[in-house]
């Protein structure tokens, strides 16, 4: 699941997969601004058929936080 999330983020932000590390956060690269973050979140929701709770949306600002929340949603 981690690899799939990273692949989606890389594709949406139009960067090489190698750029997408666990520690990468919004703002670390120009493509990951507020609009880019919205695109990442909505694409992950669509492709994985999940919905992030509103209360966590503002916390999804790093690759690791997104992966953690995806895993949580899939296992719940």
N, C-alpha and C. Protein backbone atom coordinates (compact mmCIF):
# COMPACT_ATOMS: atom_id res chain seq x y z
N UNK A 1 0.81 -1.19 0.00
CA UNK A 1 0.00 0.00 0.00
C UNK A 1 0.87 1.27 0.00
N UNK A 2 1.96 1.21 0.74
CA UNK A 2 2.87 2.36 0.81
C UNK A 2 3.39 2.72 -0.58
N UNK A 3 3.78 1.72 -1.35
CA UNK A 3 4.32 1.98 -2.69
C UNK A 3 3.25 2.58 -3.60
N UNK A 4 2.03 2.07 -3.50
CA UNK A 4 0.94 2.59 -4.32
C UNK A 4 0.66 4.06 -4.00
N UNK A 5 0.62 4.39 -2.73
CA UNK A 5 0.38 5.79 -2.33
C UNK A 5 1.51 6.68 -2.86
N UNK A 6 2.74 6.23 -2.73
CA UNK A 6 3.87 7.02 -3.24
C UNK A 6 3.79 7.18 -4.76
N UNK A 7 3.37 6.15 -5.46
CA UNK A 7 3.23 6.23 -6.91
C UNK A 7 2.16 7.25 -7.30
N UNK A 8 1.05 7.25 -6.57
CA UNK A 8 -0.01 8.21 -6.85
C UNK A 8 0.49 9.63 -6.60
N UNK A 9 1.15 9.84 -5.48
CA UNK A 9 1.67 11.18 -5.17
C UNK A 9 2.65 11.64 -6.25
N UNK A 10 3.55 10.78 -6.66
CA UNK A 10 4.52 11.13 -7.70
C UNK A 10 3.83 11.49 -9.01
N UNK A 11 2.84 10.70 -9.38
CA UNK A 11 2.12 10.95 -10.63
C UNK A 11 1.36 12.27 -10.58
N UNK A 12 0.64 12.49 -9.48
CA UNK A 12 -0.15 13.71 -9.36
C UNK A 12 0.74 14.95 -9.35
N UNK A 13 1.86 14.87 -8.66
CA UNK A 13 2.76 16.02 -8.57
C UNK A 13 3.73 16.10 -9.74
N UNK A 14 3.68 15.09 -10.61
CA UNK A 14 4.52 15.06 -11.80
C UNK A 14 6.01 15.13 -11.45
N UNK A 15 6.41 14.24 -10.52
CA UNK A 15 7.82 14.12 -10.13
C UNK A 15 8.22 12.65 -10.19
N UNK A 16 9.51 12.40 -10.22
CA UNK A 16 10.01 11.03 -10.21
C UNK A 16 9.68 10.37 -8.88
N UNK A 17 9.42 9.08 -8.93
CA UNK A 17 9.08 8.33 -7.73
C UNK A 17 10.18 8.44 -6.66
N UNK A 18 11.42 8.55 -7.09
CA UNK A 18 12.54 8.64 -6.15
C UNK A 18 12.47 9.89 -5.28
N UNK A 19 11.76 10.91 -5.74
CA UNK A 19 11.61 12.15 -4.98
C UNK A 19 10.68 11.94 -3.78
N UNK A 20 9.77 10.98 -3.90
CA UNK A 20 8.74 10.77 -2.88
C UNK A 20 9.28 9.87 -1.77
N UNK A 21 9.79 10.51 -0.73
CA UNK A 21 10.31 9.79 0.43
C UNK A 21 9.31 9.92 1.58
N UNK A 22 9.48 9.08 2.60
CA UNK A 22 8.59 9.13 3.75
C UNK A 22 8.61 10.49 4.44
N UNK A 23 9.73 11.17 4.39
CA UNK A 23 9.86 12.44 5.11
C UNK A 23 9.46 13.66 4.28
N UNK A 24 9.14 13.45 3.01
CA UNK A 24 8.74 14.57 2.15
C UNK A 24 7.43 15.16 2.63
N UNK A 25 7.37 16.49 2.70
CA UNK A 25 6.16 17.19 3.15
C UNK A 25 5.75 18.23 2.12
N UNK A 26 4.50 18.64 2.23
CA UNK A 26 4.03 19.71 1.36
C UNK A 26 4.91 20.93 1.59
N UNK A 27 5.24 21.60 0.53
CA UNK A 27 6.13 22.74 0.61
C UNK A 27 7.59 22.40 0.37
N UNK A 28 7.93 21.11 0.45
CA UNK A 28 9.32 20.70 0.19
C UNK A 28 9.68 20.80 -1.29
N UNK A 29 8.68 20.64 -2.13
CA UNK A 29 8.89 20.78 -3.57
C UNK A 29 7.82 21.74 -4.09
N UNK A 30 8.12 22.52 -5.12
CA UNK A 30 7.17 23.54 -5.59
C UNK A 30 5.80 22.97 -6.00
N UNK A 31 5.78 21.77 -6.53
CA UNK A 31 4.53 21.18 -7.00
C UNK A 31 3.56 20.86 -5.86
N UNK A 32 4.09 20.71 -4.64
CA UNK A 32 3.24 20.31 -3.52
C UNK A 32 2.83 21.53 -2.71
N UNK A 33 2.05 22.38 -3.35
CA UNK A 33 1.47 23.52 -2.66
C UNK A 33 0.05 23.14 -2.23
N UNK A 34 -0.77 24.10 -1.85
CA UNK A 34 -2.12 23.78 -1.37
C UNK A 34 -2.97 23.13 -2.46
N UNK A 35 -2.83 23.60 -3.68
CA UNK A 35 -3.58 23.01 -4.79
C UNK A 35 -3.07 21.60 -5.07
N UNK A 36 -1.76 21.42 -5.05
CA UNK A 36 -1.18 20.09 -5.24
C UNK A 36 -1.62 19.13 -4.16
N UNK A 37 -1.70 19.62 -2.92
CA UNK A 37 -2.13 18.76 -1.82
C UNK A 37 -3.57 18.31 -2.01
N UNK A 38 -4.42 19.22 -2.43
CA UNK A 38 -5.81 18.88 -2.71
C UNK A 38 -5.90 17.83 -3.82
N UNK A 39 -5.10 17.99 -4.85
CA UNK A 39 -5.09 17.03 -5.95
C UNK A 39 -4.61 15.66 -5.48
N UNK A 40 -3.58 15.63 -4.64
CA UNK A 40 -3.07 14.37 -4.10
C UNK A 40 -4.16 13.67 -3.29
N UNK A 41 -4.77 14.40 -2.37
CA UNK A 41 -5.78 13.82 -1.49
C UNK A 41 -6.98 13.30 -2.29
N UNK A 42 -7.49 14.10 -3.21
CA UNK A 42 -8.67 13.68 -3.97
C UNK A 42 -8.36 12.50 -4.89
N UNK A 43 -7.18 12.47 -5.47
CA UNK A 43 -6.81 11.34 -6.34
C UNK A 43 -6.68 10.06 -5.53
N UNK A 44 -6.07 10.13 -4.37
CA UNK A 44 -5.95 8.95 -3.51
C UNK A 44 -7.34 8.46 -3.11
N UNK A 45 -8.22 9.38 -2.75
CA UNK A 45 -9.59 8.98 -2.38
C UNK A 45 -10.28 8.27 -3.54
N UNK A 46 -10.17 8.82 -4.73
CA UNK A 46 -10.83 8.24 -5.90
C UNK A 46 -10.24 6.88 -6.26
N UNK A 47 -8.93 6.80 -6.33
CA UNK A 47 -8.29 5.57 -6.80
C UNK A 47 -8.35 4.43 -5.79
N UNK A 48 -8.37 4.77 -4.50
CA UNK A 48 -8.40 3.73 -3.47
C UNK A 48 -9.80 3.55 -2.89
N UNK A 49 -10.75 4.32 -3.41
CA UNK A 49 -12.14 4.23 -2.97
C UNK A 49 -12.26 4.39 -1.45
N UNK A 50 -11.63 5.44 -0.95
CA UNK A 50 -11.70 5.76 0.48
C UNK A 50 -12.09 7.22 0.61
N UNK A 51 -12.42 7.63 1.82
CA UNK A 51 -12.72 9.03 2.08
C UNK A 51 -12.05 9.43 3.38
N UNK A 52 -11.17 10.41 3.29
CA UNK A 52 -10.50 10.90 4.48
C UNK A 52 -11.49 11.69 5.32
N UNK A 53 -11.52 11.47 6.63
CA UNK A 53 -12.40 12.27 7.50
C UNK A 53 -11.98 13.74 7.46
N UNK A 54 -12.95 14.62 7.52
CA UNK A 54 -12.66 16.05 7.47
C UNK A 54 -11.68 16.48 8.54
N UNK A 55 -11.77 15.87 9.72
CA UNK A 55 -10.92 16.31 10.82
C UNK A 55 -9.44 16.00 10.62
N UNK A 56 -9.10 15.15 9.65
CA UNK A 56 -7.68 14.84 9.42
C UNK A 56 -7.12 15.51 8.17
N UNK A 57 -7.96 16.12 7.38
CA UNK A 57 -7.50 16.68 6.10
C UNK A 57 -6.34 17.66 6.24
N UNK A 58 -6.39 18.50 7.26
CA UNK A 58 -5.33 19.50 7.42
C UNK A 58 -4.05 18.89 7.99
N UNK A 59 -4.14 17.65 8.46
CA UNK A 59 -2.96 16.96 8.99
C UNK A 59 -2.23 16.15 7.92
N UNK A 60 -2.84 16.01 6.76
CA UNK A 60 -2.26 15.19 5.69
C UNK A 60 -1.30 16.05 4.86
N UNK A 61 -0.15 16.32 5.45
CA UNK A 61 0.81 17.24 4.81
C UNK A 61 2.17 16.60 4.56
N UNK A 62 2.26 15.30 4.78
CA UNK A 62 3.51 14.60 4.49
C UNK A 62 3.18 13.24 3.89
N UNK A 63 4.14 12.68 3.22
CA UNK A 63 3.94 11.35 2.64
C UNK A 63 3.58 10.36 3.74
N UNK A 64 4.32 10.40 4.84
CA UNK A 64 4.08 9.43 5.91
C UNK A 64 2.70 9.61 6.54
N UNK A 65 2.26 10.84 6.73
CA UNK A 65 0.94 11.05 7.33
C UNK A 65 -0.17 10.55 6.41
N UNK A 66 0.02 10.70 5.12
CA UNK A 66 -0.97 10.20 4.16
C UNK A 66 -0.98 8.67 4.17
N UNK A 67 0.19 8.07 4.13
CA UNK A 67 0.28 6.60 4.17
C UNK A 67 -0.36 6.06 5.44
N UNK A 68 -0.05 6.65 6.57
CA UNK A 68 -0.61 6.19 7.85
C UNK A 68 -2.13 6.24 7.84
N UNK A 69 -2.68 7.33 7.33
CA UNK A 69 -4.14 7.47 7.32
C UNK A 69 -4.78 6.51 6.32
N UNK A 70 -4.16 6.30 5.17
CA UNK A 70 -4.69 5.34 4.20
C UNK A 70 -4.73 3.95 4.82
N UNK A 71 -3.66 3.54 5.45
CA UNK A 71 -3.61 2.22 6.08
C UNK A 71 -4.69 2.11 7.15
N UNK A 72 -4.85 3.14 7.94
CA UNK A 72 -5.87 3.15 8.98
C UNK A 72 -7.27 2.99 8.38
N UNK A 73 -7.56 3.73 7.31
CA UNK A 73 -8.88 3.67 6.69
C UNK A 73 -9.16 2.31 6.04
N UNK A 74 -8.15 1.73 5.45
CA UNK A 74 -8.33 0.45 4.78
C UNK A 74 -8.52 -0.68 5.78
N UNK A 75 -7.87 -0.58 6.92
CA UNK A 75 -7.96 -1.64 7.92
C UNK A 75 -9.14 -1.48 8.87
N UNK A 76 -9.82 -0.33 8.83
CA UNK A 76 -10.99 -0.13 9.70
C UNK A 76 -12.25 -0.66 9.07
